[in-house]
Amino acid sequence: MKKGWKLGASMMLASFVALAGCGNSEGTSDEANKGSGSEGEKTYKIGVNQLVEHPSLDTALEGFQAALEEKGLDVEYDVQIAQGDQNNSQTIANNFAGDGVDLIFANSTPSAQSALNATSEIPIVFTSVTDPVGGGLVKSFEEPGANITGTTDNHPDAIPNTVKFIAENIDGNKVGMIYNSGEQNSVAQINLAKKAMEGTDLEVVEASVSTSAEVKQAAESLVGQVDSLYVITDNTVVSALESVIGVASDSDIPLFVGELDSVKRGGFAAYGFDYYDIGFEAGEMAVSILTGEKKVSEIPVQYPQNLKLQINAKAAVDMGVEIKEEWKEAAEIIE
C-alpha cells in the first residue's frame, strides 16, 4: 500500500514536470515569434541621421514617416540631429551601426556620407542629397550600390530655370550666392549655376560661410555688390535663411531660393518642389527594403517628380520687385 502510494506520487510529479516543460516551451516559442516578428507584427527600428533642423529637412522626415505609416509598418524611430557638425553626424551613424538598426534614413548629403562610412551592410535610404554620384554615395542613379539608395533634391531643370528667370527679368548682372564650401552638394550647385550662366551676362559673386552664425554677415557683405541673391539648398545657409531675408528686404534685393519651403519663409521666388514629396518617395523605398520586396541595389536613385515656379507676393513688395502679368500665368503666387 505504501509502495503503491509512492509510485502514484512519482507518476503525478513526472506528469506535472512534463506539463510545466510543455508550458515553458510554448512560452519561449511565443516570445521568439514575437521577437522575430511575423507579418504585420514586427517592429522595425530606423535610425534617422539628420544634419540640422530646418523646415525643408524636417518636412522631408515627415514625408518619410508618413509613407511607412501609410503602409502599416510598426516602426520605432531614433531621430538624431547633428547640429550641423559632420563629426556629430559620424558619431550618430557609428552608433546606429553598433545598435544594429534595421535601416538608416540619412537626411542630407553629410548624413548619408556618414552612414555609408559607418556600415556596408545596414540598408541606407537618403533624401535631401543634391549630387549623390559626386558625393561618393552611389556609382550611378541606375545602379546605386549594395546598401544605399534614395531621392535627390536636385531637379535637373531647377537651377537652369532660375538662372534663365534672373537673366530675363532682373535688372543687373551680379548674382550673390552664399554657401558653405564644406558642403559638397553646395559646391556642386554653385558649379551648376555658373555653367547655366554661360551665354548670359550674369556673373556669380560668392560669399562662403562655415557656420549659420556667419550667414548674416556674409549677406551684408554682398550689399552694394550684387543685383540679386540666390540661396541654393545649402543646409548651413537655409538654417539661417531669415537673416538673409532681412538683409534682402532692407536692401531691395530680390532673393531667389532653392526650394518651396524657403519661399514660404520669405524668399522671393524658386523653381522647386515639396520636400515632403521626396521624403515620402524615400519612405516608399524603405518599405520595399524592410518588407523584402526589393533589395537596395534594385532601387534606382530618384529625382523629384514635380517642379514649379512659386513667387511670394509679400516678399516681392519687401524686396522692391513688381510682379509682372506674365509671371501670374507661369507661377503659383502665394501671399
Protein backbone atom coordinates (compact mmCIF):
# COMPACT_ATOMS: atom_id res chain seq x y z
CA MET A 1 0.00 0.00 0.00
CA LYS A 2 2.72 2.42 0.94
CA LYS A 3 4.79 1.36 -2.07
CA GLY A 4 1.81 1.95 -4.38
CA TRP A 5 1.34 5.45 -2.95
CA LYS A 6 4.95 6.32 -3.67
CA LEU A 7 4.63 5.07 -7.25
CA GLY A 8 1.47 7.07 -7.80
CA ALA A 9 3.06 10.22 -6.40
CA SER A 10 6.10 9.77 -8.62
CA MET A 11 3.92 9.44 -11.72
CA MET A 12 1.95 12.57 -10.79
CA LEU A 13 5.17 14.53 -10.24
CA ALA A 14 6.54 13.38 -13.59
CA SER A 15 3.32 14.43 -15.30
CA PHE A 16 3.47 17.86 -13.66
CA VAL A 17 7.09 18.36 -14.75
CA ALA A 18 6.21 17.30 -18.29
CA LEU A 19 3.28 19.72 -18.44
CA ALA A 20 5.39 22.50 -16.98
CA GLY A 21 8.07 21.77 -19.56
CA CYS A 22 5.49 21.98 -22.36
CA GLY A 23 4.26 25.27 -20.93
CA ASN A 24 7.77 26.76 -20.88
CA SER A 25 8.48 25.56 -24.41
CA GLU A 26 5.28 27.12 -25.70
CA GLY A 27 6.03 30.40 -23.94
CA THR A 28 9.55 30.51 -25.37
CA SER A 29 8.17 29.87 -28.82
CA ASP A 30 5.67 32.72 -28.47
CA GLU A 31 8.37 35.11 -27.33
CA ALA A 32 10.62 34.03 -30.17
CA ASN A 33 7.85 34.62 -32.70
CA LYS A 34 7.12 37.99 -31.19
CA GLY A 35 10.77 38.94 -31.31
CA SER A 36 11.37 37.76 -34.86
CA GLY A 37 8.14 39.41 -35.92
CA SER A 38 5.63 37.66 -38.11
CA GLU A 39 3.98 39.60 -40.91
CA GLY A 40 2.28 42.72 -39.54
CA GLU A 41 3.78 42.27 -36.05
CA LYS A 42 7.46 43.06 -36.46
CA THR A 43 8.66 46.34 -35.06
CA TYR A 44 11.35 47.86 -37.26
CA LYS A 45 14.00 50.11 -35.77
CA ILE A 46 15.05 53.00 -38.00
CA GLY A 47 17.88 55.37 -37.14
CA VAL A 48 17.34 58.89 -38.51
CA ASN A 49 20.55 60.84 -39.10
CA GLN A 50 19.68 64.49 -39.93
CA LEU A 51 22.36 67.13 -40.28
CA VAL A 52 20.42 70.10 -38.92
CA GLU A 53 16.88 71.22 -38.17
CA HIS A 54 15.25 73.46 -40.76
CA PRO A 55 11.84 73.33 -42.47
CA SER A 56 12.93 71.51 -45.63
CA LEU A 57 14.70 68.66 -43.85
CA ASP A 58 12.00 68.47 -41.20
CA THR A 59 9.33 68.25 -43.90
CA ALA A 60 11.27 65.51 -45.69
CA LEU A 61 11.33 63.49 -42.46
CA GLU A 62 7.58 63.95 -42.08
CA GLY A 63 7.05 62.62 -45.60
CA PHE A 64 9.32 59.64 -44.94
CA GLN A 65 7.46 58.69 -41.78
CA ALA A 66 4.09 59.15 -43.48
CA ALA A 67 4.99 56.63 -46.19
CA LEU A 68 5.80 53.93 -43.65
CA GLU A 69 2.70 54.71 -41.62
CA GLU A 70 0.54 54.51 -44.75
CA LYS A 71 1.84 51.00 -45.42
CA GLY A 72 1.02 49.96 -41.86
CA LEU A 73 4.58 49.24 -40.71
CA ASP A 74 5.25 49.32 -36.98
CA VAL A 75 8.36 51.49 -36.66
CA GLU A 76 10.46 52.70 -33.75
CA TYR A 77 12.44 55.80 -34.75
CA ASP A 78 15.65 57.03 -33.18
CA VAL A 79 15.89 60.61 -34.51
CA GLN A 80 19.30 62.23 -34.06
CA ILE A 81 20.21 65.78 -35.17
CA ALA A 82 23.91 66.51 -35.79
CA GLN A 83 23.52 70.28 -35.24
CA GLY A 84 25.36 70.98 -38.49
CA ASP A 85 28.52 69.19 -37.33
CA GLN A 86 29.99 66.48 -39.56
CA ASN A 87 31.78 64.87 -36.61
CA ASN A 88 28.49 64.60 -34.74
CA SER A 89 26.93 63.09 -37.83
CA GLN A 90 29.61 60.41 -38.00
CA THR A 91 29.21 59.57 -34.32
CA ILE A 92 25.45 59.20 -34.80
CA ALA A 93 25.97 56.89 -37.78
CA ASN A 94 28.52 54.79 -35.90
CA ASN A 95 26.10 54.38 -33.00
CA PHE A 96 23.31 53.26 -35.34
CA ALA A 97 25.64 50.69 -36.88
CA GLY A 98 26.64 49.46 -33.43
CA ASP A 99 22.99 49.20 -32.39
CA GLY A 100 22.19 47.13 -35.46
CA VAL A 101 19.19 49.17 -36.58
CA ASP A 102 17.11 47.73 -39.42
CA LEU A 103 17.62 50.78 -41.66
CA ILE A 104 19.25 54.21 -41.58
CA PHE A 105 17.39 57.20 -43.00
CA ALA A 106 20.02 59.81 -43.93
CA ASN A 107 18.52 63.28 -44.36
CA SER A 108 21.22 65.37 -46.15
CA THR A 109 24.45 64.67 -48.03
CA PRO A 110 26.77 64.71 -44.96
CA SER A 111 24.33 62.41 -43.12
CA ALA A 112 24.38 59.91 -45.98
CA GLN A 113 28.18 60.06 -46.25
CA SER A 114 28.49 59.37 -42.53
CA ALA A 115 26.09 56.43 -42.74
CA LEU A 116 27.98 54.89 -45.64
CA ASN A 117 31.26 55.31 -43.74
CA ALA A 118 29.73 53.52 -40.77
CA THR A 119 28.24 50.45 -42.45
CA SER A 120 28.30 48.47 -45.67
CA GLU A 121 25.59 46.07 -44.50
CA ILE A 122 22.70 48.02 -42.96
CA PRO A 123 20.36 49.45 -45.64
CA ILE A 124 20.65 53.23 -46.06
CA VAL A 125 17.95 55.36 -47.68
CA PHE A 126 18.79 59.02 -48.19
CA THR A 127 16.99 62.18 -49.24
CA SER A 128 17.83 65.90 -49.48
CA VAL A 129 21.00 64.92 -51.36
CA THR A 130 21.97 67.12 -54.31
CA ASP A 131 24.72 65.13 -56.05
CA PRO A 132 24.79 61.50 -54.87
CA VAL A 133 27.33 60.47 -57.52
CA GLY A 134 29.70 63.40 -56.96
CA GLY A 135 29.30 62.96 -53.21
CA GLY A 136 30.63 59.42 -53.46
CA LEU A 137 27.38 57.84 -52.28
CA VAL A 138 26.38 55.86 -55.37
CA LYS A 139 28.04 54.60 -58.54
CA SER A 140 25.16 55.82 -60.69
CA PHE A 141 21.48 56.64 -60.37
CA GLU A 142 20.55 53.37 -62.08
CA GLU A 143 22.93 51.16 -60.06
CA PRO A 144 23.36 52.88 -56.68
CA GLY A 145 25.19 50.15 -54.75
CA ALA A 146 24.79 47.26 -52.37
CA ASN A 147 23.28 49.03 -49.36
CA ILE A 148 22.38 52.63 -50.31
CA THR A 149 19.81 54.43 -52.45
CA GLY A 150 17.37 57.32 -52.09
CA THR A 151 15.96 60.51 -53.55
CA THR A 152 17.79 63.63 -54.65
CA ASP A 153 16.70 67.23 -54.11
CA ASN A 154 18.33 68.38 -57.34
CA HIS A 155 15.82 68.54 -60.16
CA PRO A 156 17.92 68.92 -63.34
CA ASP A 157 15.86 71.91 -64.53
CA ALA A 158 15.68 73.87 -61.25
CA ILE A 159 18.97 75.81 -61.43
CA PRO A 160 18.90 76.43 -65.22
CA ASN A 161 15.30 77.70 -64.98
CA THR A 162 16.18 80.00 -62.08
CA VAL A 163 19.19 81.41 -63.89
CA LYS A 164 17.09 81.97 -67.03
CA PHE A 165 14.43 83.80 -64.99
CA ILE A 166 17.04 86.08 -63.39
CA ALA A 167 18.68 86.81 -66.75
CA GLU A 168 15.38 87.71 -68.40
CA ASN A 169 13.61 89.56 -65.59
CA ILE A 170 16.02 91.12 -63.08
CA ASP A 171 17.99 94.30 -63.76
CA GLY A 172 21.74 93.97 -63.29
CA ASN A 173 24.03 91.02 -63.83
CA LYS A 174 25.66 90.36 -60.45
CA VAL A 175 24.16 87.38 -58.56
CA GLY A 176 25.25 86.93 -54.96
CA MET A 177 25.47 83.33 -53.76
CA ILE A 178 26.10 82.44 -50.12
CA TYR A 179 27.12 78.86 -49.39
CA ASN A 180 29.17 76.56 -47.19
CA SER A 181 32.18 75.46 -49.21
CA GLY A 182 32.49 72.45 -46.90
CA GLU A 183 29.21 71.01 -48.20
CA GLN A 184 29.84 69.02 -51.37
CA ASN A 185 26.25 69.40 -52.51
CA SER A 186 26.58 73.20 -52.32
CA VAL A 187 29.79 73.29 -54.35
CA ALA A 188 28.08 71.16 -56.99
CA GLN A 189 25.16 73.60 -57.18
CA ILE A 190 27.42 76.64 -57.43
CA ASN A 191 29.17 74.99 -60.37
CA LEU A 192 25.82 74.18 -61.99
CA ALA A 193 24.74 77.80 -61.60
CA LYS A 194 27.94 79.07 -63.20
CA LYS A 195 27.50 76.64 -66.08
CA ALA A 196 23.90 77.75 -66.56
CA MET A 197 25.07 81.38 -66.75
CA GLU A 198 27.34 80.67 -69.71
CA GLY A 199 25.99 82.57 -72.70
CA THR A 200 24.35 85.22 -70.47
CA ASP A 201 25.84 88.34 -68.93
CA LEU A 202 25.21 87.03 -65.40
CA GLU A 203 28.11 86.66 -63.01
CA VAL A 204 28.31 84.95 -59.62
CA VAL A 205 29.65 86.88 -56.62
CA GLU A 206 30.44 84.29 -53.93
CA ALA A 207 30.33 84.57 -50.16
CA SER A 208 31.43 81.47 -48.27
CA VAL A 209 30.45 80.57 -44.69
CA SER A 210 31.33 77.78 -42.30
CA THR A 211 28.51 78.11 -39.77
CA SER A 212 25.00 79.52 -39.65
CA ALA A 213 26.26 82.29 -37.35
CA GLU A 214 28.26 83.72 -40.27
CA VAL A 215 25.34 83.90 -42.72
CA LYS A 216 24.02 87.36 -41.87
CA GLN A 217 27.45 88.95 -42.12
CA ALA A 218 28.02 87.22 -45.46
CA ALA A 219 24.72 88.56 -46.79
CA GLU A 220 25.56 92.06 -45.60
CA SER A 221 28.95 91.87 -47.31
CA LEU A 222 27.19 91.43 -50.67
CA VAL A 223 25.04 94.56 -50.35
CA GLY A 224 26.21 97.10 -52.93
CA GLN A 225 27.99 94.40 -54.91
CA VAL A 226 25.07 92.38 -56.28
CA ASP A 227 21.74 92.93 -58.02
CA SER A 228 20.09 89.72 -56.81
CA LEU A 229 20.71 86.95 -54.30
CA TYR A 230 20.36 83.23 -54.92
CA VAL A 231 20.40 80.81 -51.97
CA ILE A 232 20.67 77.21 -53.15
CA THR A 233 19.76 74.19 -50.99
CA ASP A 234 22.71 74.72 -48.67
CA ASN A 235 21.87 73.37 -45.19
CA THR A 236 24.01 75.89 -43.34
CA VAL A 237 22.54 78.93 -45.10
CA VAL A 238 18.95 77.66 -45.20
CA SER A 239 19.03 77.05 -41.45
CA ALA A 240 19.68 80.81 -41.05
CA LEU A 241 17.58 81.97 -44.01
CA GLU A 242 15.68 84.61 -42.05
CA SER A 243 18.87 86.66 -41.70
CA VAL A 244 19.33 86.67 -45.49
CA ILE A 245 15.66 87.57 -46.00
CA GLY A 246 16.10 90.52 -43.64
CA VAL A 247 19.13 91.84 -45.50
CA ALA A 248 17.44 91.35 -48.89
CA SER A 249 14.29 93.15 -47.74
CA ASP A 250 16.19 96.06 -46.18
CA SER A 251 18.31 96.49 -49.32
CA ASP A 252 15.64 95.91 -52.02
CA ILE A 253 17.50 92.90 -53.42
CA PRO A 254 15.32 90.07 -54.83
CA LEU A 255 16.18 86.80 -53.10
CA PHE A 256 15.84 83.62 -55.14
CA VAL A 257 15.86 80.35 -53.21
CA GLY A 258 16.31 76.68 -53.98
CA GLU A 259 13.07 75.15 -52.70
CA LEU A 260 9.46 76.00 -51.94
CA ASP A 261 9.74 75.91 -48.15
CA SER A 262 12.14 78.84 -48.38
CA VAL A 263 9.61 80.78 -50.49
CA LYS A 264 7.04 80.28 -47.73
CA ARG A 265 9.57 81.58 -45.20
CA GLY A 266 10.02 84.82 -47.18
CA GLY A 267 12.19 84.16 -50.22
CA PHE A 268 11.04 85.95 -53.38
CA ALA A 269 10.89 83.03 -55.81
CA ALA A 270 12.00 79.47 -56.54
CA TYR A 271 11.71 76.74 -59.09
CA GLY A 272 11.18 73.97 -56.61
CA PHE A 273 9.25 71.06 -55.25
CA ASP A 274 7.89 69.93 -51.92
CA TYR A 275 10.45 68.23 -49.67
CA TYR A 276 7.58 66.24 -48.20
CA ASP A 277 7.28 64.50 -51.58
CA ILE A 278 10.92 63.42 -51.84
CA GLY A 279 10.79 62.28 -48.22
CA PHE A 280 7.65 60.27 -48.95
CA GLU A 281 9.25 58.70 -52.02
CA ALA A 282 12.28 57.75 -49.90
CA GLY A 283 9.88 56.22 -47.38
CA GLU A 284 8.32 54.07 -50.09
CA MET A 285 11.80 52.80 -50.92
CA ALA A 286 12.35 51.96 -47.25
CA VAL A 287 9.09 49.98 -47.16
CA SER A 288 10.18 47.88 -50.14
CA ILE A 289 13.52 47.16 -48.48
CA LEU A 290 12.22 46.37 -44.99
CA THR A 291 9.46 44.05 -46.25
CA GLY A 292 11.87 42.21 -48.53
CA GLU A 293 10.02 43.22 -51.67
CA LYS A 294 13.22 44.63 -53.20
CA LYS A 295 16.94 44.69 -52.50
CA VAL A 296 18.59 48.08 -52.06
CA SER A 297 20.65 47.55 -55.20
CA GLU A 298 17.46 47.09 -57.22
CA ILE A 299 16.08 50.56 -56.42
CA PRO A 300 17.42 53.43 -58.59
CA VAL A 301 18.02 56.87 -57.14
CA GLN A 302 15.06 59.12 -57.97
CA TYR A 303 14.76 62.79 -58.97
CA PRO A 304 11.94 64.99 -57.60
CA GLN A 305 8.83 64.35 -59.66
CA ASN A 306 7.20 67.80 -59.68
CA LEU A 307 8.87 71.16 -60.40
CA LYS A 308 7.05 74.50 -60.35
CA LEU A 309 7.73 78.22 -60.12
CA GLN A 310 6.46 79.81 -56.91
CA ILE A 311 6.54 83.53 -56.07
CA ASN A 312 5.94 85.16 -52.69
CA ALA A 313 3.88 88.33 -53.31
CA LYS A 314 4.72 89.90 -49.93
CA ALA A 315 8.43 89.25 -50.39
CA ALA A 316 8.23 90.86 -53.84
CA VAL A 317 6.91 94.07 -52.26
CA ASP A 318 9.51 93.95 -49.47
CA MET A 319 12.33 93.46 -51.98
CA GLY A 320 11.17 96.09 -54.45
CA VAL A 321 10.06 93.71 -57.22
CA GLU A 322 6.93 94.39 -59.26
CA ILE A 323 5.15 91.17 -60.24
CA LYS A 324 4.60 91.06 -64.00
CA GLU A 325 1.36 89.84 -65.52
CA GLU A 326 3.08 87.04 -67.43
CA TRP A 327 4.50 85.70 -64.17
CA LYS A 328 0.98 85.18 -62.86
CA GLU A 329 0.31 82.71 -65.67
CA ALA A 330 3.55 80.78 -65.24
CA ALA A 331 3.86 80.78 -61.46
CA GLU A 332 1.97 79.94 -58.31
CA ILE A 333 1.66 83.22 -56.38
CA ILE A 334 1.49 82.93 -52.60
CA GLU A 335 0.78 85.73 -50.12
